[in-house]
Amino acid sequence: MRPRPALARRMGVLLGITAALLGAGVLPGAPFDGSGGPRPAEAAAGLLFDRVFLMVLENTDFDQAMRAPYLRHLTTRGGLLTDFHAITHPSYPNYLALVTGSTLGIRDNRPQDLEATSLVDLLEPAGVSWKVYAENLPAPCFRGASSPDGLYVRKHEPYISLRPIQRNPARCARIVNAAQLSLDLAQEAMPQYSLYVPNLRHDGHATGVREADAWLQAFLPPLLSDPHFRRRSLLVVTFDEDSGSVGNHIYTVLVGEMVQPGASNGRWYNHYSLLRLIEDNYRVGTLGREDAKATAICCLWKR
């Protein structure tokens, strides 16, 4: 008996995603149990999007990122923020800023255990599910500085630095190895808020933007062709910081069915603006830090 065409297409997409994850050095094995929360029928609807998938690459100037072929291609599929900025240097406080609305006084890359609330403390009471997919993560709730192979580093995954996450096994179990992504797609169990943490090769930290761009070109097309991933979903690709300038001007693109393809927005934004966009979309309020002062991203949407 031949598979139905729709089923065959979906199997092809999932095989493509699995191949991309294997290329990322992610071994499928036994999945980690990080619940994605409510199923789609129960999920709280967002104003602009119902699901957001945030990917953070590393240490690249805006102009350099725009010369990378696939990153440039994404700007034709979505909306480019041409005056978007990171908060500081080095990497770690920028990751914290993306999820807590503050650098929390951190000025270096040494991981800390911090008593601070974050975006997910706003999302959970509103019924908005969340998960972190981290490449090469050894185990859920892992608090080491790096994985044994050195490809996962804690400084690039901000939630495990927060004590309200650390001390709650059910919450830190939502920080999972990226192998879980293909399983969640197959089960239509994607959370509404996802942070995807590439390993040090794929985010460009150890290899440069050309390697990161080539990896994205293999990794993203199967996701963007998956109906469950696309449906009312916003993909955000950004960088933690530039190569070290005072201006900290970085590439950020938003892709989804709600975004005007090829649009651009020249207003000044930063990581706090991106956090505010997510907060406003799910109508959950703010954390009362720099996110409360930030202006949410506008002028790229179809309506």
C-alpha atoms as a PDB file:
ATOM      1  CA  MET A   1       0.000   0.000   0.000  1.00  0.00           C
ATOM      2  CA  ARG A   2       1.440   3.360  -0.990  1.00  0.00           C
ATOM      3  CA  PRO A   3       1.537   6.159   1.610  1.00  0.00           C
ATOM      4  CA  ARG A   4      -0.884   9.005   1.049  1.00  0.00           C
ATOM      5  CA  PRO A   5       0.766  12.046  -0.619  1.00  0.00           C
ATOM      6  CA  ALA A   6       0.282  14.330   2.429  1.00  0.00           C
ATOM      7  CA  LEU A   7       1.703  11.687   4.761  1.00  0.00           C
ATOM      8  CA  ALA A   8       4.625  11.083   2.424  1.00  0.00           C
ATOM      9  CA  ARG A   9       5.392  14.812   2.316  1.00  0.00           C
ATOM     10  CA  ARG A  10       5.311  15.043   6.107  1.00  0.00           C
ATOM     11  CA  MET A  11       7.563  12.001   6.456  1.00  0.00           C
ATOM     12  CA  GLY A  12       9.982  13.657   4.044  1.00  0.00           C
ATOM     13  CA  VAL A  13      10.003  16.866   6.072  1.00  0.00           C
ATOM     14  CA  LEU A  14      10.606  15.008   9.345  1.00  0.00           C
ATOM     15  CA  LEU A  15      13.415  12.985   7.784  1.00  0.00           C
ATOM     16  CA  GLY A  16      14.966  16.249   6.625  1.00  0.00           C
ATOM     17  CA  ILE A  17      14.748  17.723  10.124  1.00  0.00           C
ATOM     18  CA  THR A  18      16.237  14.582  11.640  1.00  0.00           C
ATOM     19  CA  ALA A  19      19.082  14.696   9.130  1.00  0.00           C
ATOM     20  CA  ALA A  20      19.751  18.325  10.033  1.00  0.00           C
ATOM     21  CA  LEU A  21      19.830  17.470  13.745  1.00  0.00           C
ATOM     22  CA  LEU A  22      22.210  14.589  13.107  1.00  0.00           C
ATOM     23  CA  GLY A  23      24.382  17.042  11.193  1.00  0.00           C
ATOM     24  CA  ALA A  24      24.307  19.198  14.310  1.00  0.00           C
ATOM     25  CA  GLY A  25      25.906  16.396  16.280  1.00  0.00           C
ATOM     26  CA  VAL A  26      22.603  15.673  18.010  1.00  0.00           C
ATOM     27  CA  LEU A  27      22.030  11.983  18.609  1.00  0.00           C
ATOM     28  CA  PRO A  28      18.358  10.996  18.735  1.00  0.00           C
ATOM     29  CA  GLY A  29      18.630   8.292  21.437  1.00  0.00           C
ATOM     30  CA  ALA A  30      16.017   8.384  24.144  1.00  0.00           C
ATOM     31  CA  PRO A  31      14.307  11.784  24.190  1.00  0.00           C
ATOM     32  CA  PHE A  32      14.527  13.979  27.236  1.00  0.00           C
ATOM     33  CA  ASP A  33      11.193  14.574  28.902  1.00  0.00           C
ATOM     34  CA  GLY A  34      10.600  18.305  28.649  1.00  0.00           C
ATOM     35  CA  SER A  35       6.885  18.883  28.374  1.00  0.00           C
ATOM     36  CA  GLY A  36       5.868  21.409  25.761  1.00  0.00           C
ATOM     37  CA  GLY A  37       2.759  22.253  27.770  1.00  0.00           C
ATOM     38  CA  PRO A  38      -0.732  22.623  26.288  1.00  0.00           C
ATOM     39  CA  ARG A  39      -1.517  21.020  22.965  1.00  0.00           C
ATOM     40  CA  PRO A  40      -2.354  23.433  20.119  1.00  0.00           C
ATOM     41  CA  ALA A  41      -6.110  23.241  20.690  1.00  0.00           C
ATOM     42  CA  GLU A  42      -5.638  24.407  24.288  1.00  0.00           C
ATOM     43  CA  ALA A  43      -2.921  26.999  23.661  1.00  0.00           C
ATOM     44  CA  ALA A  44      -3.427  30.674  24.358  1.00  0.00           C
ATOM     45  CA  ALA A  45      -3.617  32.654  21.118  1.00  0.00           C
ATOM     46  CA  GLY A  46      -1.194  35.505  20.472  1.00  0.00           C
ATOM     47  CA  LEU A  47      -2.034  38.841  18.911  1.00  0.00           C
ATOM     48  CA  LEU A  48       0.333  38.463  15.951  1.00  0.00           C
ATOM     49  CA  PHE A  49       1.630  34.908  16.257  1.00  0.00           C
ATOM     50  CA  ASP A  50       0.752  31.847  18.295  1.00  0.00           C
ATOM     51  CA  ARG A  51       4.267  30.417  18.351  1.00  0.00           C
ATOM     52  CA  VAL A  52       7.743  31.979  18.323  1.00  0.00           C
ATOM     53  CA  PHE A  53      11.016  30.168  17.625  1.00  0.00           C
ATOM     54  CA  LEU A  54      14.072  32.228  18.589  1.00  0.00           C
ATOM     55  CA  MET A  55      17.568  31.325  17.365  1.00  0.00           C
ATOM     56  CA  VAL A  56      20.688  33.162  18.532  1.00  0.00           C
ATOM     57  CA  LEU A  57      23.961  33.106  16.588  1.00  0.00           C
ATOM     58  CA  GLU A  58      27.281  34.551  17.709  1.00  0.00           C
ATOM     59  CA  ASN A  59      29.631  37.522  17.481  1.00  0.00           C
ATOM     60  CA  THR A  60      29.000  38.967  14.013  1.00  0.00           C
ATOM     61  CA  ASP A  61      28.689  42.523  12.696  1.00  0.00           C
ATOM     62  CA  PHE A  62      25.539  43.457  10.789  1.00  0.00           C
ATOM     63  CA  ASP A  63      27.352  44.071   7.499  1.00  0.00           C
ATOM     64  CA  GLN A  64      29.214  40.784   7.714  1.00  0.00           C
ATOM     65  CA  ALA A  65      25.990  38.871   8.382  1.00  0.00           C
ATOM     66  CA  MET A  66      24.334  40.553   5.404  1.00  0.00           C
ATOM     67  CA  ARG A  67      27.092  39.208   3.141  1.00  0.00           C
ATOM     68  CA  ALA A  68      26.270  35.625   4.176  1.00  0.00           C
ATOM     69  CA  PRO A  69      24.112  34.114   1.376  1.00  0.00           C
ATOM     70  CA  TYR A  70      21.449  32.328   3.408  1.00  0.00           C
ATOM     71  CA  LEU A  71      21.091  35.049   6.018  1.00  0.00           C
ATOM     72  CA  ARG A  72      20.606  37.488   3.142  1.00  0.00           C
ATOM     73  CA  HIS A  73      18.058  35.117   1.574  1.00  0.00           C
ATOM     74  CA  LEU A  74      16.031  35.061   4.801  1.00  0.00           C
ATOM     75  CA  THR A  75      15.520  38.819   4.485  1.00  0.00           C
ATOM     76  CA  THR A  76      13.591  38.198   1.254  1.00  0.00           C
ATOM     77  CA  ARG A  77      11.287  35.756   3.055  1.00  0.00           C
ATOM     78  CA  GLY A  78      10.743  37.914   6.110  1.00  0.00           C
ATOM     79  CA  GLY A  79      11.350  41.339   7.620  1.00  0.00           C
ATOM     80  CA  LEU A  80      14.793  42.756   8.395  1.00  0.00           C
ATOM     81  CA  LEU A  81      15.482  45.070  11.339  1.00  0.00           C
ATOM     82  CA  THR A  82      18.254  47.244   9.934  1.00  0.00           C
ATOM     83  CA  ASP A  83      19.087  49.152  13.153  1.00  0.00           C
ATOM     84  CA  PHE A  84      18.989  46.394  15.767  1.00  0.00           C
ATOM     85  CA  HIS A  85      21.552  46.329  18.592  1.00  0.00           C
ATOM     86  CA  ALA A  86      22.846  44.007  21.274  1.00  0.00           C
ATOM     87  CA  ILE A  87      23.105  45.353  24.813  1.00  0.00           C
ATOM     88  CA  THR A  88      26.729  44.894  25.833  1.00  0.00           C
ATOM     89  CA  HIS A  89      29.816  42.691  25.561  1.00  0.00           C
ATOM     90  CA  PRO A  90      30.576  39.808  26.067  1.00  0.00           C
ATOM     91  CA  SER A  91      28.027  37.117  25.200  1.00  0.00           C
ATOM     92  CA  TYR A  92      26.539  35.952  28.494  1.00  0.00           C
ATOM     93  CA  PRO A  93      24.828  39.177  29.647  1.00  0.00           C
ATOM     94  CA  ASN A  94      23.188  39.523  26.216  1.00  0.00           C
ATOM     95  CA  TYR A  95      21.567  36.101  26.565  1.00  0.00           C
ATOM     96  CA  LEU A  96      20.319  37.101  30.011  1.00  0.00           C
ATOM     97  CA  ALA A  97      18.952  40.363  28.593  1.00  0.00           C
ATOM     98  CA  LEU A  98      16.928  38.453  25.980  1.00  0.00           C
ATOM     99  CA  VAL A  99      14.979  36.572  28.655  1.00  0.00           C
ATOM    100  CA  THR A 100      15.092  38.702  31.839  1.00  0.00           C
ATOM    101  CA  GLY A 101      15.004  42.274  30.526  1.00  0.00           C
ATOM    102  CA  SER A 102      18.331  43.027  32.212  1.00  0.00           C
ATOM    103  CA  THR A 103      21.980  42.021  32.206  1.00  0.00           C
ATOM    104  CA  LEU A 104      21.511  41.478  35.966  1.00  0.00           C
ATOM    105  CA  GLY A 105      24.835  43.135  36.675  1.00  0.00           C
ATOM    106  CA  ILE A 106      26.813  40.477  34.770  1.00  0.00           C
ATOM    107  CA  ARG A 107      29.880  41.818  32.941  1.00  0.00           C
ATOM    108  CA  ASP A 108      31.756  38.672  31.918  1.00  0.00           C
ATOM    109  CA  ASN A 109      31.168  35.143  30.641  1.00  0.00           C
ATOM    110  CA  ARG A 110      31.408  33.286  33.957  1.00  0.00           C
ATOM    111  CA  PRO A 111      28.063  31.510  34.528  1.00  0.00           C
ATOM    112  CA  GLN A 112      26.271  32.553  37.695  1.00  0.00           C
ATOM    113  CA  ASP A 113      23.303  31.277  39.693  1.00  0.00           C
ATOM    114  CA  LEU A 114      20.911  34.237  39.750  1.00  0.00           C
ATOM    115  CA  GLU A 115      17.775  34.916  41.760  1.00  0.00           C
ATOM    116  CA  ALA A 116      15.745  36.541  39.000  1.00  0.00           C
ATOM    117  CA  THR A 117      12.449  36.175  37.181  1.00  0.00           C
ATOM    118  CA  SER A 118      12.312  35.736  33.427  1.00  0.00           C
ATOM    119  CA  LEU A 119       9.962  35.710  30.467  1.00  0.00           C
ATOM    120  CA  VAL A 120       8.711  32.223  31.285  1.00  0.00           C
ATOM    121  CA  ASP A 121       7.481  33.445  34.686  1.00  0.00           C
ATOM    122  CA  LEU A 122       5.070  35.614  32.710  1.00  0.00           C
ATOM    123  CA  LEU A 123       4.203  32.972  30.118  1.00  0.00           C
ATOM    124  CA  GLU A 124       3.360  30.062  32.409  1.00  0.00           C
ATOM    125  CA  PRO A 125       0.474  31.715  34.329  1.00  0.00           C
ATOM    126  CA  ALA A 126      -1.023  32.737  30.983  1.00  0.00           C
ATOM    127  CA  GLY A 127      -0.960  29.141  29.734  1.00  0.00           C
ATOM    128  CA  VAL A 128       1.794  29.786  27.177  1.00  0.00           C
ATOM    129  CA  SER A 129       4.036  26.728  26.839  1.00  0.00           C
ATOM    130  CA  TRP A 130       7.807  26.968  26.468  1.00  0.00           C
ATOM    131  CA  LYS A 131      10.938  24.923  25.884  1.00  0.00           C
ATOM    132  CA  VAL A 132      14.651  25.394  25.215  1.00  0.00           C
ATOM    133  CA  TYR A 133      16.284  23.170  22.570  1.00  0.00           C
ATOM    134  CA  ALA A 134      20.051  23.079  23.151  1.00  0.00           C
ATOM    135  CA  GLU A 135      22.426  21.231  20.879  1.00  0.00           C
ATOM    136  CA  ASN A 136      24.813  18.815  22.611  1.00  0.00           C
ATOM    137  CA  LEU A 137      23.166  19.329  26.007  1.00  0.00           C
ATOM    138  CA  PRO A 138      24.243  16.303  28.076  1.00  0.00           C
ATOM    139  CA  ALA A 139      21.071  16.022  30.190  1.00  0.00           C
ATOM    140  CA  PRO A 140      18.113  18.042  31.427  1.00  0.00           C
ATOM    141  CA  CYS A 141      18.913  20.396  34.330  1.00  0.00           C
ATOM    142  CA  PHE A 142      22.640  20.151  33.477  1.00  0.00           C
ATOM    143  CA  ARG A 143      24.452  23.018  35.231  1.00  0.00           C
ATOM    144  CA  GLY A 144      28.028  22.393  34.157  1.00  0.00           C
ATOM    145  CA  ALA A 145      29.960  25.093  32.306  1.00  0.00           C
ATOM    146  CA  SER A 146      30.164  22.948  29.151  1.00  0.00           C
ATOM    147  CA  SER A 147      29.375  19.506  27.772  1.00  0.00           C
ATOM    148  CA  PRO A 148      32.116  16.842  27.710  1.00  0.00           C
ATOM    149  CA  ASP A 149      32.613  17.459  23.979  1.00  0.00           C
ATOM    150  CA  GLY A 150      32.857  21.217  24.568  1.00  0.00           C
ATOM    151  CA  LEU A 151      30.156  22.066  22.019  1.00  0.00           C
ATOM    152  CA  TYR A 152      27.441  23.090  24.468  1.00  0.00           C
ATOM    153  CA  VAL A 153      28.267  25.957  26.832  1.00  0.00           C
ATOM    154  CA  ARG A 154      26.087  27.132  29.690  1.00  0.00           C
ATOM    155  CA  LYS A 155      26.754  30.825  29.006  1.00  0.00           C
ATOM    156  CA  HIS A 156      24.683  30.526  25.800  1.00  0.00           C
ATOM    157  CA  GLU A 157      21.624  29.032  27.547  1.00  0.00           C
ATOM    158  CA  PRO A 158      20.309  31.702  29.927  1.00  0.00           C
ATOM    159  CA  TYR A 159      17.464  29.925  31.717  1.00  0.00           C
ATOM    160  CA  ILE A 160      19.659  27.434  33.576  1.00  0.00           C
ATOM    161  CA  SER A 161      21.365  30.390  35.289  1.00  0.00           C
ATOM    162  CA  LEU A 162      18.103  31.354  37.000  1.00  0.00           C
ATOM    163  CA  ARG A 163      17.400  29.812  40.404  1.00  0.00           C
ATOM    164  CA  PRO A 164      13.592  29.739  39.908  1.00  0.00           C
ATOM    165  CA  ILE A 165      14.313  27.356  37.001  1.00  0.00           C
ATOM    166  CA  GLN A 166      17.191  25.452  38.626  1.00  0.00           C
ATOM    167  CA  ARG A 167      15.357  24.473  41.775  1.00  0.00           C
ATOM    168  CA  ASN A 168      12.220  23.232  40.018  1.00  0.00           C
ATOM    169  CA  PRO A 169      12.880  19.891  38.262  1.00  0.00           C
ATOM    170  CA  ALA A 170       9.770  20.144  36.105  1.00  0.00           C
ATOM    171  CA  ARG A 171      10.811  23.573  34.820  1.00  0.00           C
ATOM    172  CA  CYS A 172      14.471  22.829  34.137  1.00  0.00           C
ATOM    173  CA  ALA A 173      13.373  19.616  32.382  1.00  0.00           C
ATOM    174  CA  ARG A 174      12.025  21.924  29.664  1.00  0.00           C
ATOM    175  CA  ILE A 175      15.632  22.667  28.723  1.00  0.00           C
ATOM    176  CA  VAL A 176      16.181  19.693  26.436  1.00  0.00           C
ATOM    177  CA  ASN A 177      18.644  18.297  23.955  1.00  0.00           C
ATOM    178  CA  ALA A 178      17.824  19.512  20.454  1.00  0.00           C
ATOM    179  CA  ALA A 179      17.064  15.921  19.396  1.00  0.00           C
ATOM    180  CA  GLN A 180      13.646  16.518  20.956  1.00  0.00           C
ATOM    181  CA  LEU A 181      12.721  19.020  18.239  1.00  0.00           C
ATOM    182  CA  SER A 182      12.007  16.469  15.504  1.00  0.00           C
ATOM    183  CA  LEU A 183       9.948  14.389  17.949  1.00  0.00           C
ATOM    184  CA  ASP A 184       7.903  17.419  19.003  1.00  0.00           C
ATOM    185  CA  LEU A 185       7.227  18.287  15.376  1.00  0.00           C
ATOM    186  CA  ALA A 186       6.173  14.731  14.584  1.00  0.00           C
ATOM    187  CA  GLN A 187       3.746  14.788  17.528  1.00  0.00           C
ATOM    188  CA  GLU A 188       2.582  18.348  16.778  1.00  0.00           C
ATOM    189  CA  ALA A 189       3.702  19.235  20.288  1.00  0.00           C
ATOM    190  CA  MET A 190       5.814  22.320  19.608  1.00  0.00           C
ATOM    191  CA  PRO A 191       5.664  24.801  22.502  1.00  0.00           C
ATOM    192  CA  GLN A 192       4.508  28.363  21.923  1.00  0.00           C
ATOM    193  CA  TYR A 193       7.843  29.860  22.931  1.00  0.00           C
ATOM    194  CA  SER A 194      11.057  28.108  21.891  1.00  0.00           C
ATOM    195  CA  LEU A 195      14.656  29.175  22.343  1.00  0.00           C
ATOM    196  CA  TYR A 196      16.994  27.193  20.089  1.00  0.00           C
ATOM    197  CA  VAL A 197      20.650  27.163  21.153  1.00  0.00           C
ATOM    198  CA  PRO A 198      23.034  25.960  18.409  1.00  0.00           C
ATOM    199  CA  ASN A 199      26.336  24.461  19.440  1.00  0.00           C
ATOM    200  CA  LEU A 200      29.618  26.363  19.197  1.00  0.00           C
ATOM    201  CA  ARG A 201      30.236  25.241  15.636  1.00  0.00           C
ATOM    202  CA  HIS A 202      26.805  26.091  14.314  1.00  0.00           C
ATOM    203  CA  ASP A 203      26.340  29.437  16.045  1.00  0.00           C
ATOM    204  CA  GLY A 204      29.595  30.705  14.513  1.00  0.00           C
ATOM    205  CA  HIS A 205      31.354  31.212  17.845  1.00  0.00           C
ATOM    206  CA  ALA A 206      34.134  28.745  17.058  1.00  0.00           C
ATOM    207  CA  THR A 207      33.871  28.793  13.277  1.00  0.00           C
ATOM    208  CA  GLY A 208      32.634  32.180  12.001  1.00  0.00           C
ATOM    209  CA  VAL A 209      29.522  33.339  10.216  1.00  0.00           C
ATOM    210  CA  ARG A 210      30.215  31.390   7.006  1.00  0.00           C
ATOM    211  CA  GLU A 211      29.912  28.110   8.900  1.00  0.00           C
ATOM    212  CA  ALA A 212      26.826  29.332  10.767  1.00  0.00           C
ATOM    213  CA  ASP A 213      25.245  30.415   7.484  1.00  0.00           C
ATOM    214  CA  ALA A 214      25.927  27.050   5.816  1.00  0.00           C
ATOM    215  CA  TRP A 215      24.464  25.228   8.810  1.00  0.00           C
ATOM    216  CA  LEU A 216      21.321  27.399   8.781  1.00  0.00           C
ATOM    217  CA  GLN A 217      20.875  26.683   5.076  1.00  0.00           C
ATOM    218  CA  ALA A 218      20.734  22.958   5.868  1.00  0.00           C
ATOM    219  CA  PHE A 219      18.792  23.268   9.122  1.00  0.00           C
ATOM    220  CA  LEU A 220      16.011  25.756   8.451  1.00  0.00           C
ATOM    221  CA  PRO A 221      14.398  24.705   5.130  1.00  0.00           C
ATOM    222  CA  PRO A 222      12.910  21.467   6.517  1.00  0.00           C
ATOM    223  CA  LEU A 223      11.472  23.422   9.453  1.00  0.00           C
ATOM    224  CA  LEU A 224      10.079  26.177   7.256  1.00  0.00           C
ATOM    225  CA  SER A 225       8.374  23.592   5.048  1.00  0.00           C
ATOM    226  CA  ASP A 226       6.749  21.771   7.968  1.00  0.00           C
ATOM    227  CA  PRO A 227       3.043  22.726   8.243  1.00  0.00           C
ATOM    228  CA  HIS A 228       2.991  22.475  12.046  1.00  0.00           C
ATOM    229  CA  PHE A 229       6.083  24.657  12.370  1.00  0.00           C
ATOM    230  CA  ARG A 230       4.774  27.275   9.913  1.00  0.00           C
ATOM    231  CA  ARG A 231       1.244  27.627  11.247  1.00  0.00           C
ATOM    232  CA  ARG A 232       0.923  31.033  12.955  1.00  0.00           C
ATOM    233  CA  SER A 233       4.614  30.787  13.874  1.00  0.00           C
ATOM    234  CA  LEU A 234       7.275  33.490  13.955  1.00  0.00           C
ATOM    235  CA  LEU A 235      10.907  32.559  13.378  1.00  0.00           C
ATOM    236  CA  VAL A 236      13.471  35.027  14.743  1.00  0.00           C
ATOM    237  CA  VAL A 237      17.169  34.759  13.858  1.00  0.00           C
ATOM    238  CA  THR A 238      19.434  37.164  15.698  1.00  0.00           C
ATOM    239  CA  PHE A 239      22.961  37.411  17.131  1.00  0.00           C
ATOM    240  CA  ASP A 240      24.060  37.801  20.719  1.00  0.00           C
ATOM    241  CA  GLU A 241      26.482  40.660  19.897  1.00  0.00           C
ATOM    242  CA  ASP A 242      28.700  42.005  17.138  1.00  0.00           C
ATOM    243  CA  SER A 243      32.472  41.529  16.977  1.00  0.00           C
ATOM    244  CA  GLY A 244      33.109  44.006  19.797  1.00  0.00           C
ATOM    245  CA  SER A 245      32.184  47.502  18.652  1.00  0.00           C
ATOM    246  CA  VAL A 246      30.635  50.207  20.815  1.00  0.00           C
ATOM    247  CA  GLY A 247      27.557  50.360  18.560  1.00  0.00           C
ATOM    248  CA  ASN A 248      26.926  46.595  18.765  1.00  0.00           C
ATOM    249  CA  HIS A 249      24.908  46.626  15.524  1.00  0.00           C
ATOM    250  CA  ILE A 250      23.621  43.125  14.716  1.00  0.00           C
ATOM    251  CA  TYR A 251      21.476  41.295  12.161  1.00  0.00           C
ATOM    252  CA  THR A 252      17.932  40.343  13.157  1.00  0.00           C
ATOM    253  CA  VAL A 253      15.276  38.923  10.841  1.00  0.00           C
ATOM    254  CA  LEU A 254      11.661  37.889  11.496  1.00  0.00           C
ATOM    255  CA  VAL A 255      10.073  35.256   9.239  1.00  0.00           C
ATOM    256  CA  GLY A 256       6.492  34.013   9.273  1.00  0.00           C
ATOM    257  CA  GLU A 257       3.139  34.138   7.535  1.00  0.00           C
ATOM    258  CA  MET A 258       2.277  37.323   9.479  1.00  0.00           C
ATOM    259  CA  VAL A 259       5.395  39.178   8.220  1.00  0.00           C
ATOM    260  CA  GLN A 260       5.572  41.071   4.933  1.00  0.00           C
ATOM    261  CA  PRO A 261       8.232  39.296   2.810  1.00  0.00           C
ATOM    262  CA  GLY A 262      11.129  41.594   1.962  1.00  0.00           C
ATOM    263  CA  ALA A 263      10.053  44.283   4.438  1.00  0.00           C
ATOM    264  CA  SER A 264      12.576  46.272   6.439  1.00  0.00           C
ATOM    265  CA  ASN A 265      12.340  48.506   9.482  1.00  0.00           C
ATOM    266  CA  GLY A 266      14.995  51.137  10.163  1.00  0.00           C
ATOM    267  CA  ARG A 267      13.888  52.057  13.685  1.00  0.00           C
ATOM    268  CA  TRP A 268      16.339  51.592  16.545  1.00  0.00           C
ATOM    269  CA  TYR A 269      15.718  48.386  18.489  1.00  0.00           C
ATOM    270  CA  ASN A 270      17.649  46.102  20.805  1.00  0.00           C
ATOM    271  CA  HIS A 271      17.288  42.765  22.618  1.00  0.00           C
ATOM    272  CA  TYR A 272      14.830  44.314  25.059  1.00  0.00           C
ATOM    273  CA  SER A 273      12.590  45.257  22.121  1.00  0.00           C
ATOM    274  CA  LEU A 274      12.452  41.626  21.049  1.00  0.00           C
ATOM    275  CA  LEU A 275      11.538  40.547  24.567  1.00  0.00           C
ATOM    276  CA  ARG A 276       8.829  43.239  24.672  1.00  0.00           C
ATOM    277  CA  LEU A 277       7.414  41.995  21.353  1.00  0.00           C
ATOM    278  CA  ILE A 278       6.925  38.518  22.820  1.00  0.00           C
ATOM    279  CA  GLU A 279       5.440  39.888  26.042  1.00  0.00           C
ATOM    280  CA  ASP A 280       2.993  42.126  24.173  1.00  0.00           C
ATOM    281  CA  ASN A 281       2.022  39.393  21.733  1.00  0.00           C
ATOM    282  CA  TYR A 282       0.900  37.091  24.556  1.00  0.00           C
ATOM    283  CA  ARG A 283      -0.484  39.983  26.650  1.00  0.00           C
ATOM    284  CA  VAL A 284       1.427  38.926  29.760  1.00  0.00           C
ATOM    285  CA  GLY A 285       2.769  42.278  30.953  1.00  0.00           C
ATOM    286  CA  THR A 286       6.460  42.979  31.516  1.00  0.00           C
ATOM    287  CA  LEU A 287       9.163  42.036  33.986  1.00  0.00           C
ATOM    288  CA  GLY A 288       9.461  45.666  35.067  1.00  0.00           C
ATOM    289  CA  ARG A 289      13.081  45.989  33.957  1.00  0.00           C
ATOM    290  CA  GLU A 290      14.445  47.379  30.692  1.00  0.00           C
ATOM    291  CA  ASP A 291      11.729  45.504  28.814  1.00  0.00           C
ATOM    292  CA  ALA A 292       9.151  47.832  30.387  1.00  0.00           C
ATOM    293  CA  LYS A 293      10.894  50.810  28.728  1.00  0.00           C
ATOM    294  CA  ALA A 294      11.422  49.126  25.359  1.00  0.00           C
ATOM    295  CA  THR A 295       9.338  49.707  22.261  1.00  0.00           C
ATOM    296  CA  ALA A 296       7.940  46.550  20.706  1.00  0.00           C
ATOM    297  CA  ILE A 297       8.857  45.868  17.091  1.00  0.00           C
ATOM    298  CA  CYS A 298       6.397  47.251  14.566  1.00  0.00           C
ATOM    299  CA  CYS A 299       5.867  47.934  10.898  1.00  0.00           C
ATOM    300  CA  LEU A 300       6.762  44.516   9.443  1.00  0.00           C
ATOM    301  CA  TRP A 301       3.376  42.916   9.848  1.00  0.00           C
ATOM    302  CA  LYS A 302       0.798  42.181   7.175  1.00  0.00           C
ATOM    303  CA  ARG A 303      -1.971  43.713   9.253  1.00  0.00           C
END
